[in-house]
Protein backbone atom coordinates (compact mmCIF):
# COMPACT_ATOMS: atom_id res chain seq x y z
CA UNK A 1 -155.89 69.61 271.97
CA UNK A 2 -153.15 67.97 273.67
CA UNK A 3 -152.47 65.06 271.14
CA UNK A 4 -151.68 68.05 268.96
CA UNK A 5 -149.03 69.13 270.93
CA UNK A 6 -147.33 65.89 271.78
CA UNK A 7 -147.81 65.19 267.98
CA UNK A 8 -145.57 69.08 267.34
CA UNK A 9 -143.23 67.83 270.12
CA UNK A 10 -142.28 64.22 268.70
CA UNK A 11 -141.63 66.36 265.39
CA UNK A 12 -139.56 68.55 267.47
CA UNK A 13 -137.62 65.93 268.80
CA UNK A 14 -136.85 64.08 266.04
CA UNK A 15 -135.47 67.25 264.34
CA UNK A 16 -133.31 67.84 266.88
CA UNK A 17 -132.13 63.70 266.68
CA UNK A 18 -131.72 64.25 262.94
CA UNK A 19 -129.37 67.42 262.53
CA UNK A 20 -127.64 66.09 265.60
CA UNK A 21 -126.80 62.69 263.58
CA UNK A 22 -126.03 64.49 259.93
CA UNK A 23 -123.92 67.02 261.82
CA UNK A 24 -121.81 64.90 263.53
CA UNK A 25 -121.14 62.82 260.75
CA UNK A 26 -120.11 65.63 258.50
CA UNK A 27 -117.95 66.71 260.95
CA UNK A 28 -116.00 63.78 260.64
CA UNK A 29 -115.84 63.69 256.80
CA UNK A 30 -112.49 65.39 256.42
CA UNK A 31 -110.70 62.01 258.20
CA UNK A 32 -112.92 60.58 254.63
CA UNK A 33 -111.17 63.31 252.35
CA UNK A 34 -107.83 63.07 253.40
CA UNK A 35 -108.07 59.40 253.33
CA UNK A 36 -109.36 59.52 249.20
CA UNK A 37 -106.92 62.18 248.60
CA UNK A 38 -104.95 60.02 245.97
CA UNK A 39 -107.03 61.88 243.32
CA UNK A 40 -107.25 65.38 242.63
CA UNK A 41 -110.16 67.79 245.12
CA UNK A 42 -111.94 68.11 241.20
CA UNK A 43 -111.91 64.27 240.87
CA UNK A 44 -113.07 63.60 244.04
CA UNK A 45 -116.47 66.00 243.82
CA UNK A 46 -117.26 64.30 240.41
CA UNK A 47 -117.08 60.87 241.81
CA UNK A 48 -119.14 62.10 245.25
CA UNK A 49 -121.89 63.14 243.16
CA UNK A 50 -122.13 59.87 241.16
CA UNK A 51 -122.03 57.59 243.95
CA UNK A 52 -124.28 59.68 245.94
CA UNK A 53 -126.66 59.22 243.02
CA UNK A 54 -126.77 56.14 242.99
CA UNK A 55 -126.76 55.35 246.48
CA UNK A 56 -129.51 57.28 246.85
CA UNK A 57 -131.39 55.56 243.64
CA UNK A 58 -130.81 52.50 245.54
CA UNK A 59 -133.10 53.70 248.42
CA UNK A 60 -135.98 55.47 246.22
CA UNK A 61 -136.25 51.94 244.99
CA UNK A 62 -135.94 50.01 248.00
CA UNK A 63 -138.60 52.59 249.54
CA UNK A 64 -141.02 51.57 246.88
CA UNK A 65 -140.92 55.53 245.83
CA UNK A 66 -139.45 55.14 242.46
CA UNK A 67 -142.68 56.56 240.43
CA UNK A 68 -143.16 59.12 242.82
CA UNK A 69 -139.76 59.94 241.88
CA UNK A 70 -139.58 59.58 238.08
CA UNK A 71 -143.27 61.73 237.59
CA UNK A 72 -141.71 64.88 238.52
CA UNK A 73 -139.08 64.34 235.51
CA UNK A 74 -141.90 64.56 233.44
CA UNK A 75 -142.68 68.56 235.21
CA UNK A 76 -140.29 70.14 233.86
CA UNK A 77 -141.73 73.56 236.30
CA UNK A 78 -141.63 70.92 238.76
CA UNK A 79 -138.39 70.18 238.29
CA UNK A 80 -136.66 72.84 237.59
CA UNK A 81 -136.91 73.54 241.69
CA UNK A 82 -134.14 71.27 242.20
CA UNK A 83 -131.57 73.51 240.06
CA UNK A 84 -131.02 76.36 242.41
CA UNK A 85 -130.45 74.26 245.14
CA UNK A 86 -127.94 71.63 243.15
CA UNK A 87 -125.72 74.55 242.48
CA UNK A 88 -125.31 76.20 245.82
CA UNK A 89 -124.59 72.39 247.47
CA UNK A 90 -121.93 71.75 244.31
CA UNK A 91 -120.16 74.92 245.67
CA UNK A 92 -119.96 73.57 248.98
CA UNK A 93 -118.90 70.54 248.21
CA UNK A 94 -116.53 71.34 245.83
CA UNK A 95 -114.87 74.12 247.97
CA UNK A 96 -115.27 71.84 251.50
CA UNK A 97 -112.94 68.81 249.55
CA UNK A 98 -110.80 71.08 248.15
CA UNK A 99 -109.61 72.90 251.57
CA UNK A 100 -109.96 69.73 253.27
CA UNK A 101 -106.96 68.42 251.23
CA UNK A 102 -104.79 71.52 250.91
CA UNK A 103 -105.32 71.99 254.73
CA UNK A 104 -106.91 74.11 255.63
CA UNK A 105 -109.58 72.38 257.89
CA UNK A 106 -109.64 74.93 260.48
CA UNK A 107 -110.83 77.22 257.84
CA UNK A 108 -113.42 75.11 257.25
CA UNK A 109 -115.03 74.84 260.76
CA UNK A 110 -114.76 78.97 260.78
CA UNK A 111 -117.26 78.23 257.52
CA UNK A 112 -119.27 76.55 259.62
CA UNK A 113 -119.77 78.34 262.60
CA UNK A 114 -120.15 81.26 260.27
CA UNK A 115 -123.20 79.42 258.70
CA UNK A 116 -125.85 78.97 261.53
CA UNK A 117 -125.47 82.61 261.60
CA UNK A 118 -126.25 83.18 258.30
CA UNK A 119 -129.26 80.31 258.30
CA UNK A 120 -130.69 82.42 260.79
CA UNK A 121 -130.45 85.64 259.47
CA UNK A 122 -131.92 84.03 256.37
CA UNK A 123 -134.91 82.27 258.61
CA UNK A 124 -135.43 85.64 260.02
CA UNK A 125 -135.60 87.97 256.55
CA UNK A 126 -137.45 85.34 254.35
CA UNK A 127 -139.80 83.18 256.54
CA UNK A 128 -140.16 85.89 259.38
CA UNK A 129 -138.79 83.29 262.46
CA UNK A 130 -138.26 84.99 265.70
CA UNK A 131 -135.91 84.91 268.66
CA UNK A 132 -136.25 84.76 272.16
CA UNK A 133 -133.86 86.75 274.18
CA UNK A 134 -131.83 83.25 275.31
CA UNK A 135 -131.00 82.84 271.67
CA UNK A 136 -130.24 86.75 270.73
CA UNK A 137 -128.07 86.37 273.53
CA UNK A 138 -126.62 83.18 272.54
CA UNK A 139 -126.15 84.81 268.74
CA UNK A 140 -124.49 87.76 270.27
CA UNK A 141 -121.59 85.81 271.92
CA UNK A 142 -121.39 83.67 268.92
CA UNK A 143 -121.40 86.31 266.55
CA UNK A 144 -118.30 88.20 268.76
CA UNK A 145 -116.26 84.44 268.63
CA UNK A 146 -117.09 85.13 265.21
CA UNK A 147 -115.54 88.06 264.06
CA UNK A 148 -112.75 87.86 266.44
CA UNK A 149 -111.37 84.34 264.50
CA UNK A 150 -111.98 86.24 261.45
CA UNK A 151 -109.40 89.70 262.69
CA UNK A 152 -107.46 86.96 263.92
CA UNK A 153 -106.77 85.12 260.92
CA UNK A 154 -105.31 88.41 259.82
CA UNK A 155 -106.77 88.25 256.37
CA UNK A 156 -110.90 87.72 254.89
CA UNK A 157 -111.15 84.30 255.34
CA UNK A 158 -112.65 83.65 251.38
CA UNK A 159 -112.84 79.96 252.15
CA UNK A 160 -115.08 80.07 254.92
CA UNK A 161 -117.28 82.97 253.56
CA UNK A 162 -118.46 81.05 250.64
CA UNK A 163 -118.74 77.99 252.38
CA UNK A 164 -121.14 79.73 255.74
CA UNK A 165 -123.36 81.35 252.60
CA UNK A 166 -123.40 78.72 249.78
CA UNK A 167 -124.77 76.12 252.87
CA UNK A 168 -127.13 78.49 254.50
CA UNK A 169 -128.71 79.28 251.12
CA UNK A 170 -128.94 75.61 250.48
CA UNK A 171 -130.50 75.39 254.44
CA UNK A 172 -133.56 77.70 253.38
CA UNK A 173 -134.15 76.51 249.85
CA UNK A 174 -134.64 72.81 251.63
CA UNK A 175 -136.55 74.11 254.05
CA UNK A 176 -139.10 75.79 251.39
CA UNK A 177 -138.65 72.52 249.27
CA UNK A 178 -141.74 71.07 247.62
CA UNK A 179 -139.71 68.00 247.59
CA UNK A 180 -140.03 64.79 250.44
CA UNK A 181 -136.02 65.18 251.66
CA UNK A 182 -134.72 62.05 249.60
CA UNK A 183 -136.79 62.77 246.01
CA UNK A 184 -134.86 66.47 246.59
CA UNK A 185 -131.21 65.13 247.14
CA UNK A 186 -132.17 62.40 244.46
CA UNK A 187 -133.25 65.68 241.99
CA UNK A 188 -129.99 67.62 242.85
CA UNK A 189 -127.32 64.69 242.73
CA UNK A 190 -128.92 63.85 238.95
CA UNK A 191 -128.32 67.50 238.08
CA UNK A 192 -125.28 67.67 238.72
CA UNK A 193 -124.32 63.96 238.53
CA UNK A 194 -125.16 64.02 234.62
CA UNK A 195 -121.97 66.80 233.34
CA UNK A 196 -119.98 64.88 236.37
CA UNK A 197 -120.80 60.99 234.25
CA UNK A 198 -119.66 62.74 231.32
CA UNK A 199 -116.67 64.64 232.46
CA UNK A 200 -115.46 61.61 234.62
CA UNK A 201 -115.82 59.36 231.44
CA UNK A 202 -113.51 61.66 229.23
CA UNK A 203 -110.69 61.38 232.43
CA UNK A 204 -111.07 57.51 232.89
CA UNK A 205 -111.10 57.17 228.82
CA UNK A 206 -108.27 59.13 228.32
CA UNK A 207 -105.95 57.00 231.24
CA UNK A 208 -106.11 60.15 233.61
CA UNK A 209 -108.40 58.80 236.09
CA UNK A 210 -108.31 55.78 239.11
CA UNK A 211 -108.34 53.25 236.13
CA UNK A 212 -105.19 51.66 235.24
CA UNK A 213 -103.00 54.08 238.02
CA UNK A 214 -104.42 53.68 241.50
CA UNK A 215 -105.50 50.27 243.12
CA UNK A 216 -108.83 48.66 241.92
CA UNK A 217 -109.30 48.41 245.76
CA UNK A 218 -109.81 52.37 245.89
CA UNK A 219 -113.06 51.95 243.80
CA UNK A 220 -114.90 50.87 246.84
CA UNK A 221 -113.29 53.28 249.13
CA UNK A 222 -114.53 56.20 246.87
CA UNK A 223 -118.06 54.32 246.66
CA UNK A 224 -118.09 55.11 250.06
CA UNK A 225 -118.86 58.92 249.13
CA UNK A 226 -122.51 58.28 248.02
CA UNK A 227 -122.98 57.08 251.67
CA UNK A 228 -121.81 59.47 254.03
CA UNK A 229 -122.43 61.66 251.43
CA UNK A 230 -126.21 60.79 251.35
CA UNK A 231 -126.73 59.51 254.67
CA UNK A 232 -126.39 63.25 256.29
CA UNK A 233 -127.92 64.98 253.87
CA UNK A 234 -131.37 63.48 254.40
CA UNK A 235 -131.16 63.47 257.95
CA UNK A 236 -130.49 67.15 257.02
CA UNK A 237 -133.45 67.79 255.07
CA UNK A 238 -135.85 65.94 257.39
CA UNK A 239 -134.90 68.28 260.80
CA UNK A 240 -135.09 71.40 258.55
CA UNK A 241 -139.05 70.42 258.17
CA UNK A 242 -139.37 69.51 261.97
CA UNK A 243 -137.81 72.50 263.44
CA UNK A 244 -137.23 75.99 262.90
CA UNK A 245 -134.05 77.03 260.67
CA UNK A 246 -132.50 79.03 263.66
CA UNK A 247 -132.66 75.73 266.22
CA UNK A 248 -131.21 73.62 262.68
CA UNK A 249 -128.47 76.94 262.66
CA UNK A 250 -126.87 76.15 265.81
CA UNK A 251 -127.41 72.37 266.14
CA UNK A 252 -124.50 73.06 263.32
CA UNK A 253 -121.96 74.30 265.94
CA UNK A 254 -121.43 70.19 266.02
CA UNK A 255 -119.82 69.29 262.88
CA UNK A 256 -117.15 72.56 262.96
CA UNK A 257 -116.29 71.55 266.60
CA UNK A 258 -115.34 68.28 265.50
CA UNK A 259 -113.39 69.43 262.49
CA UNK A 260 -111.72 71.93 264.67
CA UNK A 261 -110.41 69.81 266.96
CA UNK A 262 -109.22 67.83 264.15
CA UNK A 263 -107.79 70.12 262.51
CA UNK A 264 -105.80 71.10 265.98
CA UNK A 265 -104.93 67.51 267.19
CA UNK A 266 -105.17 65.18 263.90
CA UNK A 267 -103.62 67.66 261.32
CA UNK A 268 -101.46 69.68 263.58
CA UNK A 269 -102.74 72.75 261.63
CA UNK A 270 -101.90 76.33 263.68
CA UNK A 271 -104.10 77.33 266.73
CA UNK A 272 -102.82 80.02 269.14
CA UNK A 273 -104.46 81.53 271.94
CA UNK A 274 -106.24 84.32 269.79
CA UNK A 275 -108.21 81.56 267.97
CA UNK A 276 -108.98 79.77 271.10
CA UNK A 277 -110.49 82.85 272.92
CA UNK A 278 -112.70 83.28 269.77
CA UNK A 279 -114.07 79.52 270.10
CA UNK A 280 -114.49 80.15 274.00
CA UNK A 281 -116.87 83.02 272.99
CA UNK A 282 -118.78 80.76 270.19
CA UNK A 283 -119.36 77.97 272.75
CA UNK A 284 -120.71 80.20 275.33
CA UNK A 285 -123.13 81.82 272.99
CA UNK A 286 -124.25 77.45 271.87
CA UNK A 287 -124.75 77.54 275.83
CA UNK A 288 -127.26 79.85 276.17
CA UNK A 289 -129.09 78.55 272.89
CA UNK A 290 -129.06 75.15 274.27
CA UNK A 291 -130.58 76.41 277.34
CA UNK A 292 -133.70 78.09 274.98
CA UNK A 293 -134.18 74.44 273.51
CA UNK A 294 -134.62 73.02 276.86
CA UNK A 295 -136.74 75.69 278.30
CA UNK A 296 -139.34 75.39 274.56
CA UNK A 297 -139.00 72.27 274.95
CA UNK A 298 -140.07 71.88 278.64
CA UNK A 299 -142.68 74.43 277.91
CA UNK A 300 -144.21 72.35 275.25
CA UNK A 301 -144.61 69.34 277.72
CA UNK A 302 -147.12 71.22 279.91
């Protein structure tokens, strides 16, 4: 019995580590998307998809799992389970890149603060996950903070809402996915990668792409999009399998907090005292939730 508890605790800690790394990488991504915005957001998205699949394919081959990966391609019914995740992650990627390069970094931050609340709601509805009192208090503070931020915004934050809902649904689908994390991402990028290659070929063929218009060294920079995309998604997929969705949801506050600071201090987007109040409430909620996780982890070792 003790061995089982230790094993559960190990998985739990690994899930926390994977999730923390994933959201830290996501938090600093605006710096990269700003660096490649010499091409429009739609081309960036297409390039991101293609290079992500290439990088994932290399990882699958390197880990010796190519036979297992290709076997699913011969099973249409099973393979079709990757269609829905690929759709929602595509919506999320494209909107996020567009928003960052159109100076909505703080609103994307709001979207990813909203996301854990949506994810926690989905976990309760579809997976019957329950919350303890500290978690409920944490979510209450965070919910009030997010609501105030939306009200202070002066308009319905469409970008934030779509980002939150699309990524929360993606998280739920990954939680219930029949595929191992790396393979699942491989199928998703393959599904959206095929039309992406076709569209990019047309763009490059008509002289409106990178070739002949931008320094060839830019190919190396845009190719990095595959690594910085796939790495946190693989970590995220592994995290959702080891810890409850409500825990994954609160780890996600790491990414928008980093993005918020980038929006304020690096990109100089407007941020007033009203916004500060709402974000402070969110951070108080995070503190309550973090303490609840500490207590759960401590009790699991007894």
